[in-house]
Amino acid sequence: MDKRFLKQTLREWGILAPVIFIALQALQVIIAPIPGEVTGILGGFLFGEWLGLLYSTVGLTLGSVAAFGVGRWLGARYVRTLVSPETWNKMGFIVEAEGAILCFIIFLIPGLPKDMVCYLFGMSPMPLWVFTLVSTLGRIPGTWVLSAQGAHTAAGNYHEVILLTALALAVALPLYYYRNRIIGWCRG
């Protein structure tokens, strides 16, 4: 909440500030209970809209690749202990999928358990490089919105924050509302 304290702390960390933030973003994917929305807004708040987007994207990509690797290395027995039975039943079809379009849609739709999905895609036949590219591109719109909200909040541009939030909700709410239908369509 204290902008001066945050800016001073960032100055003290120097070049390590982005590295620490990127690591935090990666960890929030690997350790799913850390809320990604909060860290995404924090990136924009601390580093500005575009650097926040860049650092968040790098961290999210590293975390996604790590979760994908864990899913590939340890397999279904381990991943089933990570994901809830509800997520496994809803999203388990991913294990047999290898479609880049499916991956992109899942990462684009708000409200889906993207962090857990990384582990599931690790068990799929999808190549790592395809997953990395498609999941990164799918996350960018939502990551940009969070980063922009943080940057505008830091600058005190609350009208822009409200407008951006309203626009994001206008797009996200219908996608979230129809997410089960969209998943059903993807499953088919």
Protein backbone atom coordinates (compact mmCIF):
# COMPACT_ATOMS: atom_id res chain seq x y z
CA MET A 1 0.00 0.00 0.00
CA ASP A 2 2.95 2.33 0.64
CA LYS A 3 4.19 3.42 -2.81
CA ARG A 4 7.32 5.10 -1.45
CA PHE A 5 8.30 1.98 0.49
CA LEU A 6 7.85 -0.20 -2.60
CA LYS A 7 9.84 2.13 -4.84
CA GLN A 8 12.62 2.40 -2.26
CA THR A 9 12.74 -1.37 -1.86
CA LEU A 10 12.94 -1.78 -5.64
CA ARG A 11 15.83 0.69 -5.80
CA GLU A 12 17.64 -1.23 -3.08
CA TRP A 13 17.18 -4.52 -4.93
CA GLY A 14 18.45 -2.93 -8.14
CA ILE A 15 18.84 -5.42 -10.98
CA LEU A 16 17.56 -8.20 -8.72
CA ALA A 17 14.06 -6.64 -8.52
CA PRO A 18 12.95 -7.98 -11.94
CA VAL A 19 14.64 -11.33 -11.26
CA ILE A 20 12.83 -11.69 -7.93
CA PHE A 21 9.52 -10.72 -9.51
CA ILE A 22 10.00 -13.19 -12.39
CA ALA A 23 10.76 -15.93 -9.86
CA LEU A 24 7.61 -14.99 -7.91
CA GLN A 25 5.53 -15.23 -11.09
CA ALA A 26 7.05 -18.62 -11.92
CA LEU A 27 6.34 -19.88 -8.40
CA GLN A 28 2.73 -18.74 -8.54
CA VAL A 29 2.23 -21.15 -11.45
CA ILE A 30 4.05 -24.05 -9.79
CA ILE A 31 2.46 -23.44 -6.37
CA ALA A 32 -1.08 -22.69 -7.54
CA PRO A 33 -2.54 -21.25 -4.30
CA ILE A 34 -0.58 -18.02 -4.87
CA PRO A 35 -3.12 -15.83 -6.76
CA GLY A 36 -1.84 -14.92 -10.22
CA GLU A 37 -4.12 -11.91 -10.51
CA VAL A 38 -2.43 -10.25 -7.55
CA THR A 39 1.09 -10.82 -8.86
CA GLY A 40 0.06 -9.66 -12.35
CA ILE A 41 -1.28 -6.37 -10.98
CA LEU A 42 1.82 -6.06 -8.78
CA GLY A 43 4.06 -6.33 -11.85
CA GLY A 44 2.34 -3.38 -13.52
CA PHE A 45 2.30 -1.43 -10.28
CA LEU A 46 6.02 -1.89 -9.68
CA PHE A 47 7.50 -1.85 -13.18
CA GLY A 48 4.92 -0.13 -15.36
CA GLU A 49 2.58 -1.52 -17.96
CA TRP A 50 5.05 -2.86 -20.53
CA LEU A 51 7.92 -3.98 -18.30
CA GLY A 52 5.34 -5.51 -15.95
CA LEU A 53 3.88 -7.40 -18.91
CA LEU A 54 7.33 -8.54 -20.03
CA TYR A 55 8.47 -9.69 -16.58
CA SER A 56 5.12 -11.36 -15.86
CA THR A 57 5.17 -13.16 -19.21
CA VAL A 58 8.71 -14.43 -18.66
CA GLY A 59 7.85 -15.65 -15.15
CA LEU A 60 4.57 -17.25 -16.23
CA THR A 61 6.29 -18.98 -19.12
CA LEU A 62 9.07 -20.33 -16.90
CA GLY A 63 6.55 -21.57 -14.34
CA SER A 64 4.35 -23.12 -17.03
CA VAL A 65 7.31 -24.94 -18.57
CA ALA A 66 8.39 -26.19 -15.13
CA ALA A 67 4.87 -27.49 -14.39
CA PHE A 68 4.71 -29.06 -17.85
CA GLY A 69 8.07 -30.74 -17.17
CA VAL A 70 6.89 -32.07 -13.80
CA GLY A 71 3.75 -33.47 -15.43
CA ARG A 72 5.81 -35.12 -18.16
CA TRP A 73 8.43 -36.47 -15.75
CA LEU A 74 6.25 -37.71 -12.89
CA GLY A 75 3.09 -38.61 -14.81
CA ALA A 76 -0.54 -39.15 -13.89
CA ARG A 77 0.00 -40.74 -10.51
CA TYR A 78 1.69 -37.59 -9.17
CA VAL A 79 -0.41 -35.05 -11.06
CA ARG A 80 -3.65 -36.59 -9.75
CA THR A 81 -2.46 -35.72 -6.25
CA LEU A 82 -2.00 -32.08 -7.31
CA VAL A 83 -5.29 -31.42 -9.04
CA SER A 84 -8.71 -31.67 -7.47
CA PRO A 85 -10.97 -34.51 -8.62
CA GLU A 86 -13.27 -31.87 -10.12
CA THR A 87 -10.42 -30.42 -12.22
CA TRP A 88 -9.26 -33.89 -13.25
CA ASN A 89 -12.78 -34.89 -14.35
CA LYS A 90 -13.36 -31.61 -16.19
CA MET A 91 -9.93 -31.17 -17.76
CA GLY A 92 -8.49 -34.71 -17.82
CA PHE A 93 -9.18 -35.03 -21.54
CA ILE A 94 -6.14 -32.79 -22.05
CA VAL A 95 -3.91 -35.78 -21.33
CA GLU A 96 -4.92 -37.31 -24.67
CA ALA A 97 -4.92 -34.02 -26.54
CA GLU A 98 -2.10 -32.50 -28.45
CA GLY A 99 -3.86 -29.66 -30.18
CA ALA A 100 -2.28 -26.24 -30.11
CA ILE A 101 -5.65 -24.59 -30.67
CA LEU A 102 -7.09 -26.34 -27.62
CA CYS A 103 -4.13 -25.19 -25.54
CA PHE A 104 -4.50 -21.62 -26.77
CA ILE A 105 -8.24 -21.52 -26.02
CA ILE A 106 -7.74 -22.89 -22.52
CA PHE A 107 -5.09 -20.29 -21.70
CA LEU A 108 -7.17 -17.51 -23.20
CA ILE A 109 -10.40 -18.18 -21.27
CA PRO A 110 -10.58 -16.56 -17.84
CA GLY A 111 -11.55 -18.70 -14.88
CA LEU A 112 -9.98 -21.94 -16.03
CA PRO A 113 -7.34 -23.52 -13.77
CA LYS A 114 -4.42 -22.64 -16.06
CA ASP A 115 -1.73 -23.48 -13.54
CA MET A 116 -3.04 -27.02 -13.04
CA VAL A 117 -3.58 -27.42 -16.77
CA CYS A 118 0.18 -27.01 -17.30
CA TYR A 119 0.74 -30.26 -15.39
CA LEU A 120 -1.95 -31.99 -17.47
CA PHE A 121 -0.47 -30.82 -20.76
CA GLY A 122 2.84 -32.28 -19.55
CA MET A 123 1.24 -35.70 -19.71
CA SER A 124 -0.10 -35.10 -23.22
CA PRO A 125 1.76 -35.92 -26.44
CA MET A 126 2.18 -32.18 -27.12
CA PRO A 127 5.81 -31.18 -27.74
CA LEU A 128 7.32 -28.82 -25.16
CA TRP A 129 8.10 -26.10 -27.69
CA VAL A 130 4.48 -26.04 -28.95
CA PHE A 131 3.15 -25.85 -25.40
CA THR A 132 5.59 -23.07 -24.51
CA LEU A 133 4.69 -20.94 -27.52
CA VAL A 134 0.94 -21.44 -27.40
CA SER A 135 0.47 -21.12 -23.63
CA THR A 136 2.57 -17.96 -23.60
CA LEU A 137 0.56 -16.38 -26.41
CA GLY A 138 -2.71 -17.43 -24.77
CA ARG A 139 -1.76 -15.81 -21.46
CA ILE A 140 -0.67 -12.45 -22.91
CA PRO A 141 -4.09 -10.71 -23.17
CA GLY A 142 -5.02 -11.41 -19.55
CA THR A 143 -1.51 -10.62 -18.35
CA TRP A 144 -1.57 -7.31 -20.20
CA VAL A 145 -4.89 -6.34 -18.58
CA LEU A 146 -3.51 -7.07 -15.10
CA SER A 147 -0.28 -5.22 -15.80
CA ALA A 148 -2.14 -2.21 -17.19
CA GLN A 149 -4.43 -2.15 -14.15
CA GLY A 150 -1.41 -2.14 -11.85
CA ALA A 151 0.39 0.58 -13.82
CA HIS A 152 -2.67 2.84 -13.91
CA THR A 153 -3.27 2.27 -10.21
CA ALA A 154 0.33 3.24 -9.42
CA ALA A 155 -0.06 6.39 -11.51
CA GLY A 156 -3.32 7.28 -9.77
CA ASN A 157 -5.31 7.01 -13.02
CA TYR A 158 -8.31 5.42 -11.35
CA HIS A 159 -10.72 6.28 -14.17
CA GLU A 160 -8.56 4.26 -16.57
CA VAL A 161 -8.46 1.39 -14.07
CA ILE A 162 -12.25 1.39 -13.83
CA LEU A 163 -12.65 1.59 -17.63
CA LEU A 164 -10.10 -1.17 -18.24
CA THR A 165 -11.71 -3.35 -15.58
CA ALA A 166 -15.17 -2.80 -17.08
CA LEU A 167 -13.94 -3.70 -20.58
CA ALA A 168 -12.10 -6.77 -19.29
CA LEU A 169 -15.23 -7.89 -17.42
CA ALA A 170 -17.39 -7.36 -20.51
CA VAL A 171 -15.16 -9.81 -22.38
CA ALA A 172 -14.35 -12.16 -19.51
CA LEU A 173 -17.78 -12.69 -17.95
CA PRO A 174 -19.41 -14.28 -21.02
CA LEU A 175 -16.35 -16.48 -21.56
CA TYR A 176 -16.37 -17.45 -17.90
CA TYR A 177 -20.13 -18.08 -17.94
CA TYR A 178 -19.86 -20.36 -20.99
CA ARG A 179 -16.56 -21.97 -19.96
CA ASN A 180 -18.16 -25.39 -19.36
CA ARG A 181 -19.75 -25.34 -22.81
CA ILE A 182 -16.47 -24.26 -24.35
CA ILE A 183 -14.62 -27.05 -22.53
CA GLY A 184 -17.29 -29.51 -23.66
CA TRP A 185 -16.81 -28.32 -27.23
CA CYS A 186 -13.02 -28.71 -26.87
CA ARG A 187 -13.46 -32.18 -25.35
CA GLY A 188 -15.53 -33.23 -28.36
